Amino acid sequence: MLVAVLLALPGCQRETSSSSVDLVLPEGVGRRVELKPRSAFAEYVELPELRRELRITLASYPLSCDTYVAPGPNDLLFVLTLSTPPREAFVPTSIPFGAAPAVDAGATARVGAFAVARQGDRGFDFPSGGTVELRSVDLSPTGSVSGVLSLEFPGDGTRPASGAHGKFDARMCHGG
């Protein structure tokens, strides 16, 4: 039954790719791990009059758009959320990596990015620093989003170093 469900989701799940993302999880002095995505997908949402969001999910284990599965103790999940003001489209560009947009930012919201990672039952927020380069953006139901992560926070005495470096290629979740 599970095999049938996974085979029915080709637009939401991507097979293992040869690329990987190097993560420095903000823990201790910064713990380095390699994320080899077995699943990579993107979701696009328009929030009228507030913002547009593009969420890119990379997981080291089988995951789909339709069902969330929490990572196991040795699994990694990395979620990058990009946001733009409501009238700006996502196009190939370099986006500064920063904190999550304010809930009440409305039409004054700027282009921005924030990321979280999970490993087992532990969650990690990535502080501001670096950029996300979108190289291609096709938001159609059969499209994909690709780019390069260059996130870097060196640590500041109160928070440990963190970062994410590498290429990503994620298929869009199917339209509903």
C-alpha atoms as a PDB file:
ATOM      1  CA  MET A   1       0.000   0.000   0.000  1.00  0.00           C
ATOM      2  CA  LEU A   2       2.784   2.459   0.941  1.00  0.00           C
ATOM      3  CA  VAL A   3       4.614   1.721  -2.329  1.00  0.00           C
ATOM      4  CA  ALA A   4       1.443   2.536  -4.279  1.00  0.00           C
ATOM      5  CA  VAL A   5       1.098   5.853  -2.446  1.00  0.00           C
ATOM      6  CA  LEU A   6       4.722   6.810  -3.093  1.00  0.00           C
ATOM      7  CA  LEU A   7       4.476   5.871  -6.775  1.00  0.00           C
ATOM      8  CA  ALA A   8       1.363   8.033  -7.105  1.00  0.00           C
ATOM      9  CA  LEU A   9       3.263  11.143  -6.000  1.00  0.00           C
ATOM     10  CA  PRO A  10       5.905  11.724  -8.706  1.00  0.00           C
ATOM     11  CA  GLY A  11       5.223  15.484  -8.806  1.00  0.00           C
ATOM     12  CA  CYS A  12       5.844  15.875  -5.080  1.00  0.00           C
ATOM     13  CA  GLN A  13       8.813  13.686  -4.389  1.00  0.00           C
ATOM     14  CA  ARG A  14      12.158  13.652  -6.088  1.00  0.00           C
ATOM     15  CA  GLU A  15      14.524  10.706  -6.118  1.00  0.00           C
ATOM     16  CA  THR A  16      17.967  10.901  -4.584  1.00  0.00           C
ATOM     17  CA  SER A  17      20.135  13.378  -6.440  1.00  0.00           C
ATOM     18  CA  SER A  18      23.887  13.566  -6.713  1.00  0.00           C
ATOM     19  CA  SER A  19      23.947  17.007  -5.091  1.00  0.00           C
ATOM     20  CA  SER A  20      24.123  17.623  -1.384  1.00  0.00           C
ATOM     21  CA  VAL A  21      23.825  20.544   0.986  1.00  0.00           C
ATOM     22  CA  ASP A  22      26.365  21.147   3.734  1.00  0.00           C
ATOM     23  CA  LEU A  23      24.603  22.361   6.872  1.00  0.00           C
ATOM     24  CA  VAL A  24      26.141  23.861   9.971  1.00  0.00           C
ATOM     25  CA  LEU A  25      23.407  23.383  12.545  1.00  0.00           C
ATOM     26  CA  PRO A  26      23.287  26.140  15.184  1.00  0.00           C
ATOM     27  CA  GLU A  27      24.146  23.846  18.061  1.00  0.00           C
ATOM     28  CA  GLY A  28      27.198  23.930  20.335  1.00  0.00           C
ATOM     29  CA  VAL A  29      29.842  25.738  18.275  1.00  0.00           C
ATOM     30  CA  GLY A  30      28.014  24.784  15.060  1.00  0.00           C
ATOM     31  CA  ARG A  31      27.621  21.126  14.123  1.00  0.00           C
ATOM     32  CA  ARG A  32      28.432  20.274  10.491  1.00  0.00           C
ATOM     33  CA  VAL A  33      26.259  17.661   8.723  1.00  0.00           C
ATOM     34  CA  GLU A  34      25.708  16.697   5.103  1.00  0.00           C
ATOM     35  CA  LEU A  35      22.157  16.574   3.735  1.00  0.00           C
ATOM     36  CA  LYS A  36      21.802  14.285   0.709  1.00  0.00           C
ATOM     37  CA  PRO A  37      18.217  14.938  -0.405  1.00  0.00           C
ATOM     38  CA  ARG A  38      16.014  11.934  -1.098  1.00  0.00           C
ATOM     39  CA  SER A  39      13.047  14.295  -1.346  1.00  0.00           C
ATOM     40  CA  ALA A  40      13.031  17.822  -2.742  1.00  0.00           C
ATOM     41  CA  PHE A  41       9.903  19.812  -3.481  1.00  0.00           C
ATOM     42  CA  ALA A  42       8.632  23.384  -3.570  1.00  0.00           C
ATOM     43  CA  GLU A  43       5.288  24.903  -2.627  1.00  0.00           C
ATOM     44  CA  TYR A  44       4.015  28.310  -3.731  1.00  0.00           C
ATOM     45  CA  VAL A  45       1.359  30.338  -1.902  1.00  0.00           C
ATOM     46  CA  GLU A  46      -0.105  33.769  -2.563  1.00  0.00           C
ATOM     47  CA  LEU A  47      -1.467  35.575   0.476  1.00  0.00           C
ATOM     48  CA  PRO A  48      -3.434  38.452  -1.101  1.00  0.00           C
ATOM     49  CA  GLU A  49      -2.401  41.901   0.107  1.00  0.00           C
ATOM     50  CA  LEU A  50       0.240  40.345   2.409  1.00  0.00           C
ATOM     51  CA  ARG A  51       2.961  38.472   0.529  1.00  0.00           C
ATOM     52  CA  ARG A  52       3.886  35.600  -1.759  1.00  0.00           C
ATOM     53  CA  GLU A  53       5.776  32.642  -0.328  1.00  0.00           C
ATOM     54  CA  LEU A  54       7.889  29.951  -1.930  1.00  0.00           C
ATOM     55  CA  ARG A  55       8.780  27.108   0.433  1.00  0.00           C
ATOM     56  CA  ILE A  56      11.542  24.692  -0.593  1.00  0.00           C
ATOM     57  CA  THR A  57      11.794  21.440   1.350  1.00  0.00           C
ATOM     58  CA  LEU A  58      14.838  19.158   1.252  1.00  0.00           C
ATOM     59  CA  ALA A  59      14.780  15.902   3.232  1.00  0.00           C
ATOM     60  CA  SER A  60      17.202  13.022   3.634  1.00  0.00           C
ATOM     61  CA  TYR A  61      14.249  10.618   3.826  1.00  0.00           C
ATOM     62  CA  PRO A  62      11.116   9.952   1.721  1.00  0.00           C
ATOM     63  CA  LEU A  63       8.686  12.858   2.110  1.00  0.00           C
ATOM     64  CA  SER A  64       5.905  14.268  -0.053  1.00  0.00           C
ATOM     65  CA  CYS A  65       3.810  17.408  -0.465  1.00  0.00           C
ATOM     66  CA  ASP A  66       0.716  15.566   0.681  1.00  0.00           C
ATOM     67  CA  THR A  67       1.821  14.089   3.992  1.00  0.00           C
ATOM     68  CA  TYR A  68       4.254  15.374   6.595  1.00  0.00           C
ATOM     69  CA  VAL A  69       6.497  12.760   8.168  1.00  0.00           C
ATOM     70  CA  ALA A  70       8.665  13.903  11.064  1.00  0.00           C
ATOM     71  CA  PRO A  71      12.368  13.152  10.658  1.00  0.00           C
ATOM     72  CA  GLY A  72      13.778  10.180  12.522  1.00  0.00           C
ATOM     73  CA  PRO A  73      16.827  10.513  14.805  1.00  0.00           C
ATOM     74  CA  ASN A  74      19.265  10.226  11.868  1.00  0.00           C
ATOM     75  CA  ASP A  75      17.125  12.051   9.283  1.00  0.00           C
ATOM     76  CA  LEU A  76      17.531  15.685   8.236  1.00  0.00           C
ATOM     77  CA  LEU A  77      14.838  18.084   7.099  1.00  0.00           C
ATOM     78  CA  PHE A  78      15.675  21.572   5.791  1.00  0.00           C
ATOM     79  CA  VAL A  79      12.945  24.062   4.899  1.00  0.00           C
ATOM     80  CA  LEU A  80      13.734  27.366   3.196  1.00  0.00           C
ATOM     81  CA  THR A  81      10.950  29.948   2.942  1.00  0.00           C
ATOM     82  CA  LEU A  82      11.291  32.849   0.520  1.00  0.00           C
ATOM     83  CA  SER A  83       8.859  35.752   0.600  1.00  0.00           C
ATOM     84  CA  THR A  84       8.116  38.747  -1.607  1.00  0.00           C
ATOM     85  CA  PRO A  85       5.621  41.609  -1.405  1.00  0.00           C
ATOM     86  CA  PRO A  86       2.211  40.718  -2.874  1.00  0.00           C
ATOM     87  CA  ARG A  87       2.822  42.289  -6.278  1.00  0.00           C
ATOM     88  CA  GLU A  88       6.344  40.961  -6.870  1.00  0.00           C
ATOM     89  CA  ALA A  89       6.912  37.668  -8.673  1.00  0.00           C
ATOM     90  CA  PHE A  90       9.637  35.146  -7.948  1.00  0.00           C
ATOM     91  CA  VAL A  91      12.290  35.396 -10.642  1.00  0.00           C
ATOM     92  CA  PRO A  92      15.934  34.325 -10.890  1.00  0.00           C
ATOM     93  CA  THR A  93      17.756  36.678  -8.507  1.00  0.00           C
ATOM     94  CA  SER A  94      19.859  36.812  -5.367  1.00  0.00           C
ATOM     95  CA  ILE A  95      17.830  37.134  -2.146  1.00  0.00           C
ATOM     96  CA  PRO A  96      19.362  38.258   1.154  1.00  0.00           C
ATOM     97  CA  PHE A  97      18.932  35.705   3.909  1.00  0.00           C
ATOM     98  CA  GLY A  98      17.267  37.210   6.967  1.00  0.00           C
ATOM     99  CA  ALA A  99      14.774  36.769   9.736  1.00  0.00           C
ATOM    100  CA  ALA A 100      11.170  35.724   9.137  1.00  0.00           C
ATOM    101  CA  PRO A 101       8.935  38.584   7.950  1.00  0.00           C
ATOM    102  CA  ALA A 102       6.715  40.234  10.525  1.00  0.00           C
ATOM    103  CA  VAL A 103       3.153  38.922  10.499  1.00  0.00           C
ATOM    104  CA  ASP A 104       1.737  42.431  10.110  1.00  0.00           C
ATOM    105  CA  ALA A 105       4.297  43.620   7.522  1.00  0.00           C
ATOM    106  CA  GLY A 106       1.568  43.802   4.834  1.00  0.00           C
ATOM    107  CA  ALA A 107       2.376  45.551   1.575  1.00  0.00           C
ATOM    108  CA  THR A 108       5.562  47.032   3.020  1.00  0.00           C
ATOM    109  CA  ALA A 109       7.120  43.555   3.304  1.00  0.00           C
ATOM    110  CA  ARG A 110      10.446  43.137   1.531  1.00  0.00           C
ATOM    111  CA  VAL A 111      11.943  40.230  -0.326  1.00  0.00           C
ATOM    112  CA  GLY A 112      13.519  37.916   2.209  1.00  0.00           C
ATOM    113  CA  ALA A 113      14.356  34.382   3.236  1.00  0.00           C
ATOM    114  CA  PHE A 114      14.473  32.321   6.387  1.00  0.00           C
ATOM    115  CA  ALA A 115      15.207  28.662   7.111  1.00  0.00           C
ATOM    116  CA  VAL A 116      14.728  25.952   9.690  1.00  0.00           C
ATOM    117  CA  ALA A 117      16.127  22.449  10.016  1.00  0.00           C
ATOM    118  CA  ARG A 118      15.018  19.421  11.995  1.00  0.00           C
ATOM    119  CA  GLN A 119      16.897  16.330  13.000  1.00  0.00           C
ATOM    120  CA  GLY A 120      14.869  13.865  15.010  1.00  0.00           C
ATOM    121  CA  ASP A 121      12.930  15.859  17.596  1.00  0.00           C
ATOM    122  CA  ARG A 122      15.369  18.803  17.542  1.00  0.00           C
ATOM    123  CA  GLY A 123      14.616  21.996  15.638  1.00  0.00           C
ATOM    124  CA  PHE A 124      17.064  24.691  14.506  1.00  0.00           C
ATOM    125  CA  ASP A 125      16.387  28.261  13.302  1.00  0.00           C
ATOM    126  CA  PHE A 126      19.067  29.787  11.093  1.00  0.00           C
ATOM    127  CA  PRO A 127      20.064  33.395  11.951  1.00  0.00           C
ATOM    128  CA  SER A 128      20.439  36.087   9.273  1.00  0.00           C
ATOM    129  CA  GLY A 129      23.470  36.080   7.004  1.00  0.00           C
ATOM    130  CA  GLY A 130      24.279  35.233   3.414  1.00  0.00           C
ATOM    131  CA  THR A 131      22.121  34.824   0.319  1.00  0.00           C
ATOM    132  CA  VAL A 132      19.912  32.466  -1.631  1.00  0.00           C
ATOM    133  CA  GLU A 133      20.409  32.597  -5.389  1.00  0.00           C
ATOM    134  CA  LEU A 134      17.403  31.516  -7.418  1.00  0.00           C
ATOM    135  CA  ARG A 135      18.714  30.271 -10.764  1.00  0.00           C
ATOM    136  CA  SER A 136      15.460  29.077 -12.301  1.00  0.00           C
ATOM    137  CA  VAL A 137      11.833  29.517 -11.274  1.00  0.00           C
ATOM    138  CA  ASP A 138       8.906  27.740 -12.942  1.00  0.00           C
ATOM    139  CA  LEU A 139       5.878  27.846 -10.630  1.00  0.00           C
ATOM    140  CA  SER A 140       3.624  25.802 -12.929  1.00  0.00           C
ATOM    141  CA  PRO A 141       2.336  22.481 -11.510  1.00  0.00           C
ATOM    142  CA  THR A 142       4.992  20.598 -13.497  1.00  0.00           C
ATOM    143  CA  GLY A 143       7.707  23.190 -12.912  1.00  0.00           C
ATOM    144  CA  SER A 144      10.717  23.331 -10.639  1.00  0.00           C
ATOM    145  CA  VAL A 145      12.868  25.751  -8.693  1.00  0.00           C
ATOM    146  CA  SER A 146      16.659  25.573  -8.557  1.00  0.00           C
ATOM    147  CA  GLY A 147      19.327  27.632  -6.928  1.00  0.00           C
ATOM    148  CA  VAL A 148      22.317  27.912  -4.655  1.00  0.00           C
ATOM    149  CA  LEU A 149      22.376  28.303  -0.875  1.00  0.00           C
ATOM    150  CA  SER A 150      25.104  30.512   0.600  1.00  0.00           C
ATOM    151  CA  LEU A 151      23.842  30.996   4.143  1.00  0.00           C
ATOM    152  CA  GLU A 152      26.456  31.981   6.696  1.00  0.00           C
ATOM    153  CA  PHE A 153      26.287  33.161  10.285  1.00  0.00           C
ATOM    154  CA  PRO A 154      29.719  33.108  11.979  1.00  0.00           C
ATOM    155  CA  GLY A 155      28.374  33.115  15.549  1.00  0.00           C
ATOM    156  CA  ASP A 156      28.394  36.084  17.866  1.00  0.00           C
ATOM    157  CA  GLY A 157      29.215  34.865  21.370  1.00  0.00           C
ATOM    158  CA  THR A 158      25.554  34.357  22.256  1.00  0.00           C
ATOM    159  CA  ARG A 159      24.561  32.198  19.274  1.00  0.00           C
ATOM    160  CA  PRO A 160      26.601  29.460  17.582  1.00  0.00           C
ATOM    161  CA  ALA A 161      27.749  29.486  13.978  1.00  0.00           C
ATOM    162  CA  SER A 162      25.319  28.201  11.363  1.00  0.00           C
ATOM    163  CA  GLY A 163      25.072  27.933   7.606  1.00  0.00           C
ATOM    164  CA  ALA A 164      23.875  26.080   4.529  1.00  0.00           C
ATOM    165  CA  HIS A 165      25.884  25.733   1.325  1.00  0.00           C
ATOM    166  CA  GLY A 166      25.052  23.871  -1.834  1.00  0.00           C
ATOM    167  CA  LYS A 167      22.773  23.600  -4.837  1.00  0.00           C
ATOM    168  CA  PHE A 168      19.131  22.606  -4.781  1.00  0.00           C
ATOM    169  CA  ASP A 169      16.627  21.539  -7.422  1.00  0.00           C
ATOM    170  CA  ALA A 170      13.048  21.022  -6.260  1.00  0.00           C
ATOM    171  CA  ARG A 171       9.959  20.062  -8.248  1.00  0.00           C
ATOM    172  CA  MET A 172       6.766  22.024  -7.655  1.00  0.00           C
ATOM    173  CA  CYS A 173       4.028  20.280  -5.737  1.00  0.00           C
ATOM    174  CA  HIS A 174       1.175  19.403  -8.046  1.00  0.00           C
ATOM    175  CA  GLY A 175      -1.804  21.727  -8.314  1.00  0.00           C
ATOM    176  CA  GLY A 176      -4.859  20.705  -6.339  1.00  0.00           C
END
